[in-house]
N, C-alpha and C. Protein backbone atom coordinates (compact mmCIF):
# COMPACT_ATOMS: atom_id res chain seq x y z
N UNK A 1 -46.78 149.21 85.01
CA UNK A 1 -46.47 148.13 85.04
C UNK A 1 -46.99 147.08 85.27
N UNK A 2 -46.89 146.15 84.83
CA UNK A 2 -47.14 145.00 85.01
C UNK A 2 -46.50 143.81 85.89
N UNK A 3 -46.61 143.32 86.82
CA UNK A 3 -46.49 142.10 86.71
C UNK A 3 -46.08 141.03 86.55
N UNK A 4 -45.49 139.73 85.27
CA UNK A 4 -45.80 138.92 84.79
C UNK A 4 -45.70 137.96 86.08
N UNK A 5 -45.54 136.42 85.75
CA UNK A 5 -44.83 135.48 86.21
C UNK A 5 -43.88 134.43 85.12
N UNK A 6 -43.52 134.43 85.13
CA UNK A 6 -42.67 133.45 84.37
C UNK A 6 -42.40 132.13 84.91
N UNK A 7 -42.92 131.45 84.01
CA UNK A 7 -42.77 129.96 84.75
C UNK A 7 -41.89 129.05 83.78
N UNK A 8 -41.36 128.22 84.15
CA UNK A 8 -40.37 127.52 83.39
C UNK A 8 -40.83 125.36 83.52
N UNK A 9 -40.95 125.28 82.24
CA UNK A 9 -41.24 124.21 81.34
C UNK A 9 -39.99 123.36 81.61
N UNK A 10 -39.85 122.29 82.18
CA UNK A 10 -39.27 121.53 81.21
C UNK A 10 -38.96 119.70 80.82
N UNK A 11 -38.87 119.94 79.18
CA UNK A 11 -39.32 118.70 78.92
C UNK A 11 -37.68 118.18 78.25
N UNK A 12 -38.60 117.11 78.44
CA UNK A 12 -37.41 115.33 78.67
C UNK A 12 -37.96 115.84 76.81
N UNK A 13 -36.91 115.79 76.15
CA UNK A 13 -36.65 115.09 75.20
C UNK A 13 -35.80 113.82 74.91
N UNK A 14 -36.40 112.69 73.82
CA UNK A 14 -35.24 111.50 73.25
C UNK A 14 -34.23 112.20 73.37
N UNK A 15 -33.14 111.09 73.45
CA UNK A 15 -31.51 111.92 72.92
C UNK A 15 -31.28 110.64 72.34
N UNK A 16 -31.87 110.48 71.68
CA UNK A 16 -31.31 109.18 70.18
C UNK A 16 -32.90 109.15 69.11
N UNK A 17 -33.03 108.39 68.50
CA UNK A 17 -34.05 107.56 67.08
C UNK A 17 -34.35 106.64 68.13
N UNK A 18 -35.54 106.80 67.93
CA UNK A 18 -37.00 105.52 68.49
C UNK A 18 -36.97 104.45 66.72
N UNK A 19 -37.47 104.13 66.75
CA UNK A 19 -37.85 102.64 65.73
C UNK A 19 -39.56 103.72 64.75
N UNK A 20 -39.50 103.01 63.58
CA UNK A 20 -40.74 103.22 62.98
C UNK A 20 -42.00 102.89 63.86
N UNK A 21 -42.85 103.55 63.68
CA UNK A 21 -43.55 101.61 64.71
C UNK A 21 -43.94 100.64 63.64
N UNK A 22 -43.54 101.21 62.32
CA UNK A 22 -44.42 100.35 61.67
C UNK A 22 -43.20 98.95 61.08
N UNK A 23 -41.64 99.10 61.57
CA UNK A 23 -41.16 98.67 62.07
C UNK A 23 -40.57 98.16 62.96
N UNK A 24 -41.49 98.05 64.54
CA UNK A 24 -42.21 97.81 65.78
C UNK A 24 -43.08 96.62 65.30
N UNK A 25 -44.00 96.71 64.33
CA UNK A 25 -45.17 95.55 64.79
C UNK A 25 -44.50 94.83 64.17
N UNK A 26 -43.17 95.47 62.65
CA UNK A 26 -42.48 94.34 61.78
C UNK A 26 -41.76 92.99 62.80
N UNK A 27 -40.90 93.34 63.56
CA UNK A 27 -40.49 92.66 64.62
C UNK A 27 -41.39 92.15 66.13
N UNK A 28 -42.80 92.53 66.18
CA UNK A 28 -43.40 92.80 67.23
C UNK A 28 -44.16 90.49 65.92
N UNK A 29 -44.40 90.64 65.40
CA UNK A 29 -44.71 90.02 64.75
C UNK A 29 -44.04 88.83 64.10
N UNK A 30 -42.79 89.36 64.05
CA UNK A 30 -41.55 88.40 63.68
C UNK A 30 -41.27 87.70 64.97
N UNK A 31 -41.88 88.13 65.89
CA UNK A 31 -41.44 87.24 67.44
C UNK A 31 -41.85 86.33 68.04
N UNK A 32 -43.14 86.72 67.18
CA UNK A 32 -44.66 86.13 67.40
C UNK A 32 -44.39 84.92 66.77
N UNK A 33 -44.24 84.76 65.61
CA UNK A 33 -44.49 83.75 64.64
C UNK A 33 -42.92 82.53 65.34
N UNK A 34 -42.14 83.14 65.15
CA UNK A 34 -41.11 82.62 66.21
C UNK A 34 -40.68 81.91 67.49
N UNK A 35 -42.46 82.70 67.66
CA UNK A 35 -42.25 81.95 69.57
C UNK A 35 -41.48 82.52 70.49
N UNK A 36 -40.94 84.08 70.17
CA UNK A 36 -39.99 84.18 71.20
C UNK A 36 -40.18 85.71 72.00
N UNK A 37 -39.93 86.45 73.07
CA UNK A 37 -40.43 87.21 73.38
C UNK A 37 -39.68 88.23 73.41
N UNK A 38 -39.87 89.88 72.44
CA UNK A 38 -39.38 91.20 72.50
C UNK A 38 -40.11 92.20 73.90
N UNK A 39 -39.15 92.34 74.51
CA UNK A 39 -39.02 93.59 74.90
C UNK A 39 -38.60 94.97 74.24
N UNK A 40 -39.01 96.30 74.62
CA UNK A 40 -38.78 97.27 74.19
C UNK A 40 -37.98 98.35 75.55
N UNK A 41 -36.69 98.33 75.44
CA UNK A 41 -35.87 99.34 76.44
C UNK A 41 -35.58 100.91 76.03
N UNK A 42 -36.86 101.50 76.79
CA UNK A 42 -36.37 103.74 76.18
C UNK A 42 -34.75 103.53 77.27
N UNK A 43 -34.03 104.25 76.48
CA UNK A 43 -33.09 104.87 77.50
C UNK A 43 -31.73 103.77 77.62
N UNK A 44 -31.91 102.77 77.18
CA UNK A 44 -31.28 101.65 77.19
C UNK A 44 -29.54 102.68 77.66
N UNK A 45 -29.22 101.76 78.56
CA UNK A 45 -27.22 101.91 79.18
C UNK A 45 -27.16 103.04 78.97
N UNK A 46 -28.26 104.56 78.48
CA UNK A 46 -28.08 105.79 79.13
C UNK A 46 -26.37 106.99 79.53
N UNK A 47 -26.49 106.72 78.28
CA UNK A 47 -25.02 106.96 78.35
C UNK A 47 -25.40 108.38 77.69
N UNK A 48 -24.37 109.53 77.86
CA UNK A 48 -24.85 110.33 77.41
C UNK A 48 -24.21 110.48 75.67
N UNK A 49 -23.05 109.31 74.38
CA UNK A 49 -23.05 110.01 74.25
C UNK A 49 -23.90 108.50 72.76
N UNK A 50 -24.78 108.14 73.55
CA UNK A 50 -25.39 107.11 72.80
C UNK A 50 -26.44 108.13 71.66
N UNK A 51 -26.90 107.27 70.90
CA UNK A 51 -27.60 107.93 70.02
C UNK A 51 -28.18 107.20 69.42
N UNK A 52 -29.54 106.82 70.37
CA UNK A 52 -30.27 105.45 69.49
C UNK A 52 -31.53 105.13 71.24
N UNK A 53 -33.00 105.44 70.98
CA UNK A 53 -33.58 106.09 72.11
C UNK A 53 -34.70 104.52 72.63
N UNK A 54 -34.23 103.75 71.82
CA UNK A 54 -34.79 102.27 71.94
C UNK A 54 -34.12 100.76 71.70
N UNK A 55 -34.02 99.82 72.44
CA UNK A 55 -33.31 98.89 71.82
C UNK A 55 -33.95 97.75 72.94
N UNK A 56 -34.25 96.67 71.07
CA UNK A 56 -35.28 95.79 71.20
C UNK A 56 -35.07 94.67 72.29
N UNK A 57 -35.42 93.36 72.43
CA UNK A 57 -33.90 92.61 73.17
C UNK A 57 -35.50 91.58 73.37
N UNK A 58 -35.37 90.63 72.48
CA UNK A 58 -35.26 89.10 71.96
C UNK A 58 -35.35 87.96 73.04
N UNK A 59 -36.25 87.52 73.90
CA UNK A 59 -35.80 86.62 74.80
C UNK A 59 -36.67 85.25 74.23
N UNK A 60 -35.68 83.91 74.29
CA UNK A 60 -36.46 82.57 74.42
C UNK A 60 -37.59 81.96 75.32
N UNK A 61 -37.45 80.90 74.74
CA UNK A 61 -38.57 80.66 76.58
C UNK A 61 -37.89 80.12 77.44
N UNK A 62 -36.27 79.44 77.25
CA UNK A 62 -35.57 79.23 78.23
C UNK A 62 -34.92 79.97 78.69
N UNK A 63 -34.82 81.49 78.16
CA UNK A 63 -33.93 82.36 78.58
C UNK A 63 -33.95 83.85 79.10
N UNK A 64 -33.15 83.93 80.22
CA UNK A 64 -34.09 84.95 80.97
C UNK A 64 -33.21 85.75 80.62
N UNK A 65 -32.11 85.91 80.22
CA UNK A 65 -31.36 87.54 79.03
C UNK A 65 -31.45 87.17 77.44
N UNK A 66 -31.65 88.09 76.90
CA UNK A 66 -32.10 88.34 75.81
C UNK A 66 -30.82 87.46 74.97
N UNK A 67 -31.06 86.98 74.55
CA UNK A 67 -30.07 86.60 72.67
C UNK A 67 -29.83 87.85 71.84
N UNK A 68 -30.72 88.21 71.79
CA UNK A 68 -30.01 89.56 70.42
C UNK A 68 -30.61 90.12 71.21
N UNK A 69 -29.77 91.93 70.69
CA UNK A 69 -29.89 92.90 70.82
C UNK A 69 -30.49 93.80 69.69
N UNK A 70 -30.95 94.80 70.07
CA UNK A 70 -31.23 95.88 68.35
C UNK A 70 -31.72 96.79 68.68
N UNK A 71 -30.69 97.43 67.93
CA UNK A 71 -31.19 99.06 67.81
C UNK A 71 -30.48 99.71 66.23
N UNK A 72 -31.19 101.21 66.37
CA UNK A 72 -31.10 101.72 65.25
C UNK A 72 -29.95 103.25 65.30
N UNK A 73 -29.62 103.87 63.96
CA UNK A 73 -28.98 105.36 64.48
C UNK A 73 -29.74 105.26 63.49
N UNK A 74 -30.00 106.43 62.67
CA UNK A 74 -30.47 107.56 61.79
C UNK A 74 -30.18 106.67 60.48
N UNK A 75 -29.13 106.09 60.34
CA UNK A 75 -28.55 105.11 58.32
C UNK A 75 -28.35 103.38 58.95
N UNK A 76 -28.34 103.08 60.12
CA UNK A 76 -28.82 102.22 60.36
C UNK A 76 -29.01 100.88 61.43
N UNK A 77 -29.41 99.75 61.17
CA UNK A 77 -30.48 99.54 62.03
C UNK A 77 -28.55 98.26 62.53
N UNK A 78 -28.93 98.32 64.76
CA UNK A 78 -27.37 97.14 64.78
C UNK A 78 -28.20 96.04 65.36
N UNK A 79 -27.51 95.22 65.06
CA UNK A 79 -27.98 93.78 66.38
C UNK A 79 -26.40 93.41 66.44
N UNK A 80 -26.70 92.67 67.98
CA UNK A 80 -25.44 91.74 68.76
C UNK A 80 -26.14 90.72 69.90
N UNK A 81 -25.23 89.48 69.32
CA UNK A 81 -25.97 88.67 69.97
C UNK A 81 -24.72 89.29 71.27
N UNK A 82 -24.71 88.11 72.59
CA UNK A 82 -24.53 87.83 73.81
C UNK A 82 -22.88 88.06 73.71
N UNK A 83 -23.08 87.51 73.00
CA UNK A 83 -21.40 87.08 72.86
C UNK A 83 -20.16 87.03 71.04
N UNK A 84 -21.64 88.08 70.85
CA UNK A 84 -20.79 88.58 69.58
C UNK A 84 -20.75 89.53 69.30
N UNK A 85 -20.25 89.87 67.72
CA UNK A 85 -20.03 91.68 68.58
C UNK A 85 -20.73 91.67 67.32
N UNK A 86 -21.50 93.40 67.39
CA UNK A 86 -22.29 94.06 66.33
C UNK A 86 -22.45 94.06 64.91
N UNK A 87 -23.58 93.72 64.38
CA UNK A 87 -23.78 93.66 63.01
C UNK A 87 -24.93 94.67 62.42
N UNK A 88 -24.70 95.37 61.76
CA UNK A 88 -25.40 96.18 60.47
C UNK A 88 -25.82 95.81 59.25
N UNK A 89 -27.45 96.35 60.15
CA UNK A 89 -28.47 95.83 58.77
C UNK A 89 -28.96 97.03 57.99
N UNK A 90 -29.48 97.35 56.21
CA UNK A 90 -29.75 98.87 56.41
C UNK A 90 -31.25 98.89 56.28
N UNK A 91 -32.05 97.74 56.91
CA UNK A 91 -33.83 98.34 57.76
C UNK A 91 -33.82 97.18 59.30
N UNK A 92 -34.90 97.03 58.98
CA UNK A 92 -35.44 95.96 60.32
C UNK A 92 -35.96 94.92 59.85
N UNK A 93 -36.40 95.67 57.86
CA UNK A 93 -36.78 93.79 57.45
C UNK A 93 -35.01 92.80 56.90
N UNK A 94 -34.47 94.03 56.28
CA UNK A 94 -32.83 92.88 56.11
C UNK A 94 -32.35 91.82 57.71
N UNK A 95 -32.69 93.07 58.77
CA UNK A 95 -32.10 92.19 59.60
C UNK A 95 -32.75 90.58 60.30
N UNK A 96 -34.18 90.69 60.11
CA UNK A 96 -35.08 89.83 60.67
C UNK A 96 -34.97 88.75 59.15
N UNK A 97 -34.77 88.75 58.20
CA UNK A 97 -34.30 88.21 57.39
C UNK A 97 -32.89 87.20 57.71
N UNK A 98 -31.75 87.70 58.18
CA UNK A 98 -30.98 87.53 57.86
C UNK A 98 -30.55 86.43 59.17
N UNK A 99 -31.03 86.58 60.17
CA UNK A 99 -31.29 85.93 61.63
C UNK A 99 -31.87 83.52 61.00
N UNK A 100 -30.71 83.47 61.26
CA UNK A 100 -29.96 82.20 60.59
C UNK A 100 -30.28 81.04 61.91
N UNK A 101 -30.61 79.95 62.65
CA UNK A 101 -30.77 79.49 63.49
C UNK A 101 -29.64 78.17 63.09
N UNK A 102 -28.55 78.27 63.87
CA UNK A 102 -27.23 77.54 63.95
C UNK A 102 -28.20 76.12 63.36
N UNK A 103 -27.80 75.19 62.71
CA UNK A 103 -28.10 74.42 61.74
C UNK A 103 -27.76 72.94 63.15
N UNK A 104 -29.29 72.34 63.51
CA UNK A 104 -29.29 71.02 63.94
C UNK A 104 -29.67 71.76 65.20
N UNK A 105 -29.16 73.10 66.07
CA UNK A 105 -29.75 73.09 67.06
C UNK A 105 -31.27 73.03 67.91
N UNK A 106 -31.57 73.22 68.37
CA UNK A 106 -33.42 73.86 68.40
C UNK A 106 -33.08 75.22 69.65
N UNK A 107 -33.79 76.08 68.60
CA UNK A 107 -33.98 77.63 68.40
C UNK A 107 -34.49 77.84 69.51
N UNK A 108 -35.53 77.05 70.16
CA UNK A 108 -34.97 77.92 71.77
C UNK A 108 -34.37 76.91 72.85
N UNK A 109 -33.40 76.73 72.78
CA UNK A 109 -32.12 76.83 73.58
C UNK A 109 -31.39 76.97 73.13
N UNK A 110 -30.60 77.56 72.02
CA UNK A 110 -29.79 78.32 71.08
C UNK A 110 -29.86 79.34 70.48
N UNK A 111 -28.46 80.69 71.04
CA UNK A 111 -28.93 81.88 70.94
C UNK A 111 -28.35 81.46 68.66
N UNK A 112 -29.76 82.51 67.99
CA UNK A 112 -28.37 82.67 66.28
C UNK A 112 -27.97 83.41 66.29
N UNK A 113 -26.64 83.14 64.61
CA UNK A 113 -25.83 83.47 64.78
C UNK A 113 -26.65 84.77 63.25
N UNK A 114 -26.23 85.70 63.45
CA UNK A 114 -25.96 86.98 62.24
C UNK A 114 -25.56 86.77 60.91
N UNK A 115 -25.94 86.84 59.74
CA UNK A 115 -25.77 87.11 58.86
C UNK A 115 -26.15 88.14 58.06
N UNK A 116 -24.10 89.02 58.05
CA UNK A 116 -24.60 90.27 57.67
C UNK A 116 -25.11 91.31 57.20
N UNK A 117 -25.47 92.29 56.65
CA UNK A 117 -26.19 92.49 54.57
C UNK A 117 -24.69 92.41 54.09
N UNK A 118 -25.46 91.86 52.69
CA UNK A 118 -24.57 91.55 51.66
C UNK A 118 -24.61 93.10 51.18
């Protein structure tokens, strides 16, 4: 009879859905072009019932809090401004195309509004 020692390994699995690398690059390129800062938060909120793994926050040069939060699930991409409701999009590309600066306002001082997918 031989003695075998069993070692238990704990593996941290992501709680939810992360963005595809191509979508992260697309958002990074968009943020660079529009001179906004992009921050990726992992396990944002950390609630047990959340189905997303990453949240993208976009910041202007003059804002200490993000003007837009972006996350996804298996079917859609969502975005929400600090004082707005969440809006659903088919893809990151559709979301980025929909961000419209408020007419006549300086983009670096004013949050954008979102136009939902048609």
